[in-house]
C-alpha atoms as a PDB file:
ATOM      1  CA  UNK A   1      38.763-138.811 -10.859  1.00  0.00           C
ATOM      2  CA  UNK A   2      40.192-140.091 -14.119  1.00  0.00           C
ATOM      3  CA  UNK A   3      39.460-138.694 -17.589  1.00  0.00           C
ATOM      4  CA  UNK A   4      39.176-140.544 -20.899  1.00  0.00           C
ATOM      5  CA  UNK A   5      42.447-140.590 -22.891  1.00  0.00           C
ATOM      6  CA  UNK A   6      40.947-138.462 -25.675  1.00  0.00           C
ATOM      7  CA  UNK A   7      39.918-135.734 -23.207  1.00  0.00           C
ATOM      8  CA  UNK A   8      43.343-135.837 -21.561  1.00  0.00           C
ATOM      9  CA  UNK A   9      45.052-135.352 -24.909  1.00  0.00           C
ATOM     10  CA  UNK A  10      42.754-132.440 -25.743  1.00  0.00           C
ATOM     11  CA  UNK A  11      43.552-130.744 -22.443  1.00  0.00           C
ATOM     12  CA  UNK A  12      47.268-131.295 -22.952  1.00  0.00           C
ATOM     13  CA  UNK A  13      47.049-129.766 -26.421  1.00  0.00           C
ATOM     14  CA  UNK A  14      45.156-126.750 -25.099  1.00  0.00           C
ATOM     15  CA  UNK A  15      47.733-126.198 -22.368  1.00  0.00           C
ATOM     16  CA  UNK A  16      50.580-126.502 -24.878  1.00  0.00           C
ATOM     17  CA  UNK A  17      48.973-124.009 -27.271  1.00  0.00           C
ATOM     18  CA  UNK A  18      48.105-121.421 -24.622  1.00  0.00           C
ATOM     19  CA  UNK A  19      51.503-119.645 -24.701  1.00  0.00           C
ATOM     20  CA  UNK A  20      51.391-119.490 -28.517  1.00  0.00           C
ATOM     21  CA  UNK A  21      47.910-117.992 -28.395  1.00  0.00           C
ATOM     22  CA  UNK A  22      49.073-115.358 -25.917  1.00  0.00           C
ATOM     23  CA  UNK A  23      52.061-114.420 -28.077  1.00  0.00           C
ATOM     24  CA  UNK A  24      49.880-114.192 -31.176  1.00  0.00           C
ATOM     25  CA  UNK A  25      47.328-111.970 -29.404  1.00  0.00           C
ATOM     26  CA  UNK A  26      50.063-109.653 -28.160  1.00  0.00           C
ATOM     27  CA  UNK A  27      51.551-109.503 -31.663  1.00  0.00           C
ATOM     28  CA  UNK A  28      48.404-108.770 -33.644  1.00  0.00           C
ATOM     29  CA  UNK A  29      46.422-106.837 -31.020  1.00  0.00           C
ATOM     30  CA  UNK A  30      47.490-103.348 -32.180  1.00  0.00           C
ATOM     31  CA  UNK A  31      46.154-104.206 -35.655  1.00  0.00           C
ATOM     32  CA  UNK A  32      42.694-103.394 -34.267  1.00  0.00           C
ATOM     33  CA  UNK A  33      43.664 -99.753 -34.846  1.00  0.00           C
ATOM     34  CA  UNK A  34      42.950-100.490 -38.523  1.00  0.00           C
ATOM     35  CA  UNK A  35      39.273-100.060 -37.641  1.00  0.00           C
ATOM     36  CA  UNK A  36      38.477 -96.397 -38.352  1.00  0.00           C
ATOM     37  CA  UNK A  37      35.958 -95.803 -35.570  1.00  0.00           C
ATOM     38  CA  UNK A  38      38.133 -96.815 -32.610  1.00  0.00           C
ATOM     39  CA  UNK A  39      41.209 -95.270 -34.223  1.00  0.00           C
ATOM     40  CA  UNK A  40      39.620 -91.843 -34.616  1.00  0.00           C
ATOM     41  CA  UNK A  41      38.115 -91.843 -31.123  1.00  0.00           C
ATOM     42  CA  UNK A  42      40.968 -93.368 -29.145  1.00  0.00           C
ATOM     43  CA  UNK A  43      44.111 -92.659 -31.176  1.00  0.00           C
ATOM     44  CA  UNK A  44      43.680 -89.381 -33.101  1.00  0.00           C
ATOM     45  CA  UNK A  45      47.416 -88.972 -33.583  1.00  0.00           C
ATOM     46  CA  UNK A  46      47.720 -92.407 -35.132  1.00  0.00           C
ATOM     47  CA  UNK A  47      44.733 -91.601 -37.352  1.00  0.00           C
ATOM     48  CA  UNK A  48      46.509 -88.478 -38.595  1.00  0.00           C
ATOM     49  CA  UNK A  49      44.180 -85.883 -37.099  1.00  0.00           C
ATOM     50  CA  UNK A  50      45.793 -82.456 -37.437  1.00  0.00           C
ATOM     51  CA  UNK A  51      44.930 -78.805 -37.404  1.00  0.00           C
ATOM     52  CA  UNK A  52      41.322 -78.135 -38.440  1.00  0.00           C
ATOM     53  CA  UNK A  53      42.147 -75.820 -41.361  1.00  0.00           C
ATOM     54  CA  UNK A  54      44.427 -78.330 -43.088  1.00  0.00           C
ATOM     55  CA  UNK A  55      44.244 -81.643 -44.959  1.00  0.00           C
ATOM     56  CA  UNK A  56      47.299 -83.881 -45.177  1.00  0.00           C
ATOM     57  CA  UNK A  57      47.684 -85.451 -48.629  1.00  0.00           C
ATOM     58  CA  UNK A  58      49.579 -88.759 -48.572  1.00  0.00           C
ATOM     59  CA  UNK A  59      50.469 -91.427 -51.135  1.00  0.00           C
ATOM     60  CA  UNK A  60      51.526 -95.038 -50.599  1.00  0.00           C
ATOM     61  CA  UNK A  61      53.465 -97.767 -52.468  1.00  0.00           C
ATOM     62  CA  UNK A  62      55.933 -95.807 -54.596  1.00  0.00           C
ATOM     63  CA  UNK A  63      58.190 -94.713 -56.041  1.00  0.00           C
ATOM     64  CA  UNK A  64      57.069 -96.169 -59.350  1.00  0.00           C
ATOM     65  CA  UNK A  65      58.573 -94.842 -62.612  1.00  0.00           C
ATOM     66  CA  UNK A  66      55.401 -95.720 -64.509  1.00  0.00           C
ATOM     67  CA  UNK A  67      53.105 -93.556 -62.402  1.00  0.00           C
ATOM     68  CA  UNK A  68      54.822 -91.437 -59.721  1.00  0.00           C
ATOM     69  CA  UNK A  69      56.166 -88.835 -62.208  1.00  0.00           C
ATOM     70  CA  UNK A  70      52.592 -88.169 -63.347  1.00  0.00           C
ATOM     71  CA  UNK A  71      51.590 -87.412 -59.773  1.00  0.00           C
ATOM     72  CA  UNK A  72      54.582 -85.134 -59.314  1.00  0.00           C
ATOM     73  CA  UNK A  73      53.575 -83.172 -62.422  1.00  0.00           C
ATOM     74  CA  UNK A  74      49.932 -82.980 -61.349  1.00  0.00           C
ATOM     75  CA  UNK A  75      50.892 -81.775 -57.878  1.00  0.00           C
ATOM     76  CA  UNK A  76      53.157 -79.133 -59.411  1.00  0.00           C
ATOM     77  CA  UNK A  77      50.275 -77.931 -61.563  1.00  0.00           C
ATOM     78  CA  UNK A  78      48.078 -77.696 -58.468  1.00  0.00           C
ATOM     79  CA  UNK A  79      50.735 -76.018 -56.354  1.00  0.00           C
ATOM     80  CA  UNK A  80      50.500 -78.750 -53.706  1.00  0.00           C
ATOM     81  CA  UNK A  81      53.115 -80.688 -51.780  1.00  0.00           C
ATOM     82  CA  UNK A  82      52.398 -84.096 -50.267  1.00  0.00           C
ATOM     83  CA  UNK A  83      53.867 -86.903 -48.184  1.00  0.00           C
ATOM     84  CA  UNK A  84      54.959 -90.027 -50.066  1.00  0.00           C
ATOM     85  CA  UNK A  85      55.178 -93.241 -48.025  1.00  0.00           C
ATOM     86  CA  UNK A  86      57.814 -95.132 -49.989  1.00  0.00           C
ATOM     87  CA  UNK A  87      59.000 -98.738 -49.980  1.00  0.00           C
ATOM     88  CA  UNK A  88      62.694 -99.117 -49.248  1.00  0.00           C
ATOM     89  CA  UNK A  89      63.362-101.667 -51.975  1.00  0.00           C
ATOM     90  CA  UNK A  90      61.746 -99.328 -54.544  1.00  0.00           C
ATOM     91  CA  UNK A  91      63.782 -96.401 -53.272  1.00  0.00           C
ATOM     92  CA  UNK A  92      67.060 -98.205 -53.981  1.00  0.00           C
ATOM     93  CA  UNK A  93      65.716 -99.512 -57.295  1.00  0.00           C
ATOM     94  CA  UNK A  94      64.687 -96.008 -58.435  1.00  0.00           C
ATOM     95  CA  UNK A  95      67.054 -93.576 -56.710  1.00  0.00           C
ATOM     96  CA  UNK A  96      66.733 -90.806 -59.303  1.00  0.00           C
ATOM     97  CA  UNK A  97      62.948 -90.737 -58.957  1.00  0.00           C
ATOM     98  CA  UNK A  98      63.252 -90.751 -55.171  1.00  0.00           C
ATOM     99  CA  UNK A  99      65.611 -87.782 -55.279  1.00  0.00           C
ATOM    100  CA  UNK A 100      63.349 -85.968 -57.732  1.00  0.00           C
ATOM    101  CA  UNK A 101      60.360 -86.420 -55.425  1.00  0.00           C
ATOM    102  CA  UNK A 102      62.266 -84.806 -52.569  1.00  0.00           C
ATOM    103  CA  UNK A 103      63.774 -82.085 -54.763  1.00  0.00           C
ATOM    104  CA  UNK A 104      60.316 -81.103 -55.953  1.00  0.00           C
ATOM    105  CA  UNK A 105      59.394 -80.297 -52.367  1.00  0.00           C
ATOM    106  CA  UNK A 106      57.592 -83.414 -51.240  1.00  0.00           C
ATOM    107  CA  UNK A 107      58.082 -85.196 -47.952  1.00  0.00           C
ATOM    108  CA  UNK A 108      59.384 -88.770 -47.953  1.00  0.00           C
ATOM    109  CA  UNK A 109      58.110 -91.172 -45.299  1.00  0.00           C
ATOM    110  CA  UNK A 110      58.563 -94.914 -44.783  1.00  0.00           C
ATOM    111  CA  UNK A 111      56.096 -97.613 -45.845  1.00  0.00           C
ATOM    112  CA  UNK A 112      58.446-100.487 -44.979  1.00  0.00           C
ATOM    113  CA  UNK A 113      61.152-102.270 -46.918  1.00  0.00           C
ATOM    114  CA  UNK A 114      58.657-104.515 -48.742  1.00  0.00           C
ATOM    115  CA  UNK A 115      54.869-104.574 -48.877  1.00  0.00           C
ATOM    116  CA  UNK A 116      54.364-107.713 -46.809  1.00  0.00           C
ATOM    117  CA  UNK A 117      51.677-109.011 -44.457  1.00  0.00           C
ATOM    118  CA  UNK A 118      52.740-109.405 -40.807  1.00  0.00           C
ATOM    119  CA  UNK A 119      50.643-112.333 -39.628  1.00  0.00           C
ATOM    120  CA  UNK A 120      53.487-114.105 -37.793  1.00  0.00           C
ATOM    121  CA  UNK A 121      55.644-112.418 -35.131  1.00  0.00           C
ATOM    122  CA  UNK A 122      58.954-111.362 -36.662  1.00  0.00           C
ATOM    123  CA  UNK A 123      60.425-108.617 -34.512  1.00  0.00           C
ATOM    124  CA  UNK A 124      63.970-108.944 -35.847  1.00  0.00           C
ATOM    125  CA  UNK A 125      62.828-108.896 -39.467  1.00  0.00           C
ATOM    126  CA  UNK A 126      60.595-105.850 -38.943  1.00  0.00           C
ATOM    127  CA  UNK A 127      63.390-104.006 -37.169  1.00  0.00           C
ATOM    128  CA  UNK A 128      65.952-104.822 -39.842  1.00  0.00           C
ATOM    129  CA  UNK A 129      63.574-103.847 -42.656  1.00  0.00           C
ATOM    130  CA  UNK A 130      62.810-100.442 -41.176  1.00  0.00           C
ATOM    131  CA  UNK A 131      66.456 -99.748 -40.465  1.00  0.00           C
ATOM    132  CA  UNK A 132      67.259-100.472 -44.133  1.00  0.00           C
ATOM    133  CA  UNK A 133      64.351 -98.351 -45.356  1.00  0.00           C
ATOM    134  CA  UNK A 134      65.226 -95.371 -43.150  1.00  0.00           C
ATOM    135  CA  UNK A 135      68.859 -95.561 -44.288  1.00  0.00           C
ATOM    136  CA  UNK A 136      67.829 -95.657 -47.946  1.00  0.00           C
ATOM    137  CA  UNK A 137      65.523 -92.652 -47.611  1.00  0.00           C
ATOM    138  CA  UNK A 138      68.189 -90.701 -45.717  1.00  0.00           C
ATOM    139  CA  UNK A 139      70.956 -91.457 -48.181  1.00  0.00           C
ATOM    140  CA  UNK A 140      68.955 -91.036 -51.388  1.00  0.00           C
ATOM    141  CA  UNK A 141      66.266 -88.547 -50.368  1.00  0.00           C
ATOM    142  CA  UNK A 142      68.640 -86.387 -48.371  1.00  0.00           C
ATOM    143  CA  UNK A 143      66.586 -86.070 -45.210  1.00  0.00           C
ATOM    144  CA  UNK A 144      65.707 -88.355 -42.334  1.00  0.00           C
ATOM    145  CA  UNK A 145      62.029 -89.451 -42.500  1.00  0.00           C
ATOM    146  CA  UNK A 146      59.649 -88.762 -39.618  1.00  0.00           C
ATOM    147  CA  UNK A 147      56.655 -90.973 -40.386  1.00  0.00           C
ATOM    148  CA  UNK A 148      55.853 -94.655 -40.811  1.00  0.00           C
ATOM    149  CA  UNK A 149      52.742 -96.225 -42.282  1.00  0.00           C
ATOM    150  CA  UNK A 150      52.742-100.032 -42.214  1.00  0.00           C
ATOM    151  CA  UNK A 151      51.772-101.946 -45.355  1.00  0.00           C
ATOM    152  CA  UNK A 152      48.014-102.567 -45.492  1.00  0.00           C
ATOM    153  CA  UNK A 153      47.708-100.299 -42.454  1.00  0.00           C
ATOM    154  CA  UNK A 154      48.298-103.316 -40.203  1.00  0.00           C
ATOM    155  CA  UNK A 155      50.204-102.134 -37.143  1.00  0.00           C
ATOM    156  CA  UNK A 156      51.521-104.995 -35.004  1.00  0.00           C
ATOM    157  CA  UNK A 157      53.499-104.866 -31.783  1.00  0.00           C
ATOM    158  CA  UNK A 158      56.682-105.705 -33.704  1.00  0.00           C
ATOM    159  CA  UNK A 159      56.036-102.983 -36.278  1.00  0.00           C
ATOM    160  CA  UNK A 160      55.241-100.419 -33.606  1.00  0.00           C
ATOM    161  CA  UNK A 161      58.431-101.224 -31.701  1.00  0.00           C
ATOM    162  CA  UNK A 162      60.504-101.200 -34.894  1.00  0.00           C
ATOM    163  CA  UNK A 163      59.114 -97.794 -35.876  1.00  0.00           C
ATOM    164  CA  UNK A 164      59.794 -96.281 -32.484  1.00  0.00           C
ATOM    165  CA  UNK A 165      63.268 -97.797 -32.432  1.00  0.00           C
ATOM    166  CA  UNK A 166      63.982 -96.204 -35.817  1.00  0.00           C
ATOM    167  CA  UNK A 167      62.748 -92.793 -34.691  1.00  0.00           C
ATOM    168  CA  UNK A 168      59.586 -92.971 -36.806  1.00  0.00           C
ATOM    169  CA  UNK A 169      56.109 -91.974 -35.766  1.00  0.00           C
ATOM    170  CA  UNK A 170      53.325 -94.329 -36.959  1.00  0.00           C
ATOM    171  CA  UNK A 171      50.419 -92.649 -38.739  1.00  0.00           C
ATOM    172  CA  UNK A 172      47.519 -94.187 -40.672  1.00  0.00           C
ATOM    173  CA  UNK A 173      44.682 -92.079 -42.134  1.00  0.00           C
ATOM    174  CA  UNK A 174      41.255 -90.594 -41.494  1.00  0.00           C
ATOM    175  CA  UNK A 175      39.943 -91.044 -45.054  1.00  0.00           C
ATOM    176  CA  UNK A 176      40.723 -93.189 -48.071  1.00  0.00           C
ATOM    177  CA  UNK A 177      39.219 -93.566 -51.509  1.00  0.00           C
ATOM    178  CA  UNK A 178      39.631 -97.270 -52.304  1.00  0.00           C
ATOM    179  CA  UNK A 179      41.666 -96.160 -55.281  1.00  0.00           C
ATOM    180  CA  UNK A 180      43.547 -99.480 -55.231  1.00  0.00           C
ATOM    181  CA  UNK A 181      40.588-101.474 -56.544  1.00  0.00           C
ATOM    182  CA  UNK A 182      39.912-102.455 -60.150  1.00  0.00           C
ATOM    183  CA  UNK A 183      36.530-100.728 -59.940  1.00  0.00           C
ATOM    184  CA  UNK A 184      37.965 -97.350 -58.926  1.00  0.00           C
ATOM    185  CA  UNK A 185      37.308 -94.365 -61.173  1.00  0.00           C
ATOM    186  CA  UNK A 186      38.050 -90.659 -60.736  1.00  0.00           C
ATOM    187  CA  UNK A 187      34.373 -90.183 -59.931  1.00  0.00           C
ATOM    188  CA  UNK A 188      34.305 -92.926 -57.287  1.00  0.00           C
ATOM    189  CA  UNK A 189      37.485 -91.588 -55.706  1.00  0.00           C
ATOM    190  CA  UNK A 190      36.063 -88.062 -55.541  1.00  0.00           C
ATOM    191  CA  UNK A 191      32.806 -89.299 -54.054  1.00  0.00           C
ATOM    192  CA  UNK A 192      34.482 -91.367 -51.329  1.00  0.00           C
ATOM    193  CA  UNK A 193      36.882 -88.580 -50.432  1.00  0.00           C
ATOM    194  CA  UNK A 194      34.019 -86.092 -50.277  1.00  0.00           C
ATOM    195  CA  UNK A 195      32.062 -88.355 -47.960  1.00  0.00           C
ATOM    196  CA  UNK A 196      34.901 -89.053 -45.549  1.00  0.00           C
ATOM    197  CA  UNK A 197      37.353 -86.158 -45.502  1.00  0.00           C
ATOM    198  CA  UNK A 198      37.093 -83.199 -43.129  1.00  0.00           C
ATOM    199  CA  UNK A 199      39.390 -80.451 -41.917  1.00  0.00           C
ATOM    200  CA  UNK A 200      42.192 -81.955 -39.866  1.00  0.00           C
ATOM    201  CA  UNK A 201      42.028 -85.193 -41.824  1.00  0.00           C
ATOM    202  CA  UNK A 202      44.741 -87.266 -43.460  1.00  0.00           C
ATOM    203  CA  UNK A 203      43.890 -88.640 -46.905  1.00  0.00           C
ATOM    204  CA  UNK A 204      45.369 -91.897 -48.178  1.00  0.00           C
ATOM    205  CA  UNK A 205      45.844 -92.346 -51.933  1.00  0.00           C
ATOM    206  CA  UNK A 206      48.246 -94.490 -53.988  1.00  0.00           C
ATOM    207  CA  UNK A 207      50.754 -93.395 -56.622  1.00  0.00           C
ATOM    208  CA  UNK A 208      51.508 -96.971 -57.716  1.00  0.00           C
ATOM    209  CA  UNK A 209      49.657-100.154 -58.668  1.00  0.00           C
ATOM    210  CA  UNK A 210      52.494-102.384 -57.540  1.00  0.00           C
ATOM    211  CA  UNK A 211      50.348-104.282 -55.019  1.00  0.00           C
ATOM    212  CA  UNK A 212      46.901-103.425 -56.350  1.00  0.00           C
ATOM    213  CA  UNK A 213      44.817-103.601 -59.516  1.00  0.00           C
ATOM    214  CA  UNK A 214      46.720-102.741 -62.717  1.00  0.00           C
ATOM    215  CA  UNK A 215      46.480 -99.043 -63.636  1.00  0.00           C
ATOM    216  CA  UNK A 216      44.232 -98.268 -60.665  1.00  0.00           C
ATOM    217  CA  UNK A 217      46.462 -95.259 -59.891  1.00  0.00           C
ATOM    218  CA  UNK A 218      44.829 -93.486 -62.831  1.00  0.00           C
ATOM    219  CA  UNK A 219      41.660 -93.077 -60.761  1.00  0.00           C
ATOM    220  CA  UNK A 220      43.494 -91.195 -58.012  1.00  0.00           C
ATOM    221  CA  UNK A 221      45.420 -89.124 -60.533  1.00  0.00           C
ATOM    222  CA  UNK A 222      42.239 -88.148 -62.346  1.00  0.00           C
ATOM    223  CA  UNK A 223      40.528 -87.183 -59.090  1.00  0.00           C
ATOM    224  CA  UNK A 224      43.344 -85.009 -57.726  1.00  0.00           C
ATOM    225  CA  UNK A 225      42.271 -81.640 -59.188  1.00  0.00           C
ATOM    226  CA  UNK A 226      38.726 -82.020 -57.870  1.00  0.00           C
ATOM    227  CA  UNK A 227      39.935 -83.189 -54.446  1.00  0.00           C
ATOM    228  CA  UNK A 228      42.302 -80.266 -54.028  1.00  0.00           C
ATOM    229  CA  UNK A 229      39.755 -77.844 -55.468  1.00  0.00           C
ATOM    230  CA  UNK A 230      37.082 -79.098 -53.076  1.00  0.00           C
ATOM    231  CA  UNK A 231      39.361 -78.680 -50.077  1.00  0.00           C
ATOM    232  CA  UNK A 232      40.298 -75.162 -51.100  1.00  0.00           C
ATOM    233  CA  UNK A 233      36.679 -74.228 -51.716  1.00  0.00           C
ATOM    234  CA  UNK A 234      35.977 -75.312 -48.139  1.00  0.00           C
ATOM    235  CA  UNK A 235      38.757 -73.066 -46.866  1.00  0.00           C
ATOM    236  CA  UNK A 236      41.188 -75.928 -46.211  1.00  0.00           C
ATOM    237  CA  UNK A 237      44.877 -75.875 -47.042  1.00  0.00           C
ATOM    238  CA  UNK A 238      46.353 -79.060 -48.525  1.00  0.00           C
ATOM    239  CA  UNK A 239      49.886 -80.202 -47.806  1.00  0.00           C
ATOM    240  CA  UNK A 240      52.229 -82.791 -46.281  1.00  0.00           C
ATOM    241  CA  UNK A 241      52.127 -84.257 -42.797  1.00  0.00           C
ATOM    242  CA  UNK A 242      55.024 -82.035 -41.802  1.00  0.00           C
ATOM    243  CA  UNK A 243      52.648 -79.054 -42.024  1.00  0.00           C
ATOM    244  CA  UNK A 244      49.632 -80.811 -40.565  1.00  0.00           C
ATOM    245  CA  UNK A 245      50.185 -80.319 -36.834  1.00  0.00           C
ATOM    246  CA  UNK A 246      49.252 -83.933 -36.190  1.00  0.00           C
ATOM    247  CA  UNK A 247      47.750 -84.475 -32.755  1.00  0.00           C
ATOM    248  CA  UNK A 248      49.693 -86.392 -30.128  1.00  0.00           C
ATOM    249  CA  UNK A 249      48.066 -89.607 -28.956  1.00  0.00           C
END
């Protein structure tokens, strides 16, 4: 049986694209862990589930000299230490602030070298970026980081492999406050945190507006006292991931 030329060309194109489709699916498949429901049920360790009497407080996108020092002061006032997921290029651009963050008792973790989107497979680039970021945090922060949170929370096969190869453990979050949006306010941040955060949870906030709405960090900063106070009123300690007893899996 013979087929029309147009149909033959379509079949040839489909056959040619099949390997690319398979590679793309393998690359982006782990990004489904961004969905909170499956992540919490199937991958509690990746979600950041820890001991039930503790909440892990984490910040992304710094260090930023325009905003991070305000968070450091606020956390000092509250008597709380947190985990800061930093960008490697910002670490080397602001070494004094990076060192100060560590010296004030906070944990430094890796958020990547840059805040990029990983839509195309780039294993070598991801590996090289994490190696650079880990080296920067070690040399400037004074301690080897343990944790990795990918930009936008998008965990691909290449990012997972790069993290494991660099000795980092990927961790996302159980609750966030959408504090990166232009509409965020201290009240909206408090409300979202109150609705989604429980004992054993990991909270994602941002100490920089580098890749989000200008000045949106002010909403998270303004909400911090109420967030910490609410956790303590519920009998929950607040601290970094290092003290969280994050579940394996």
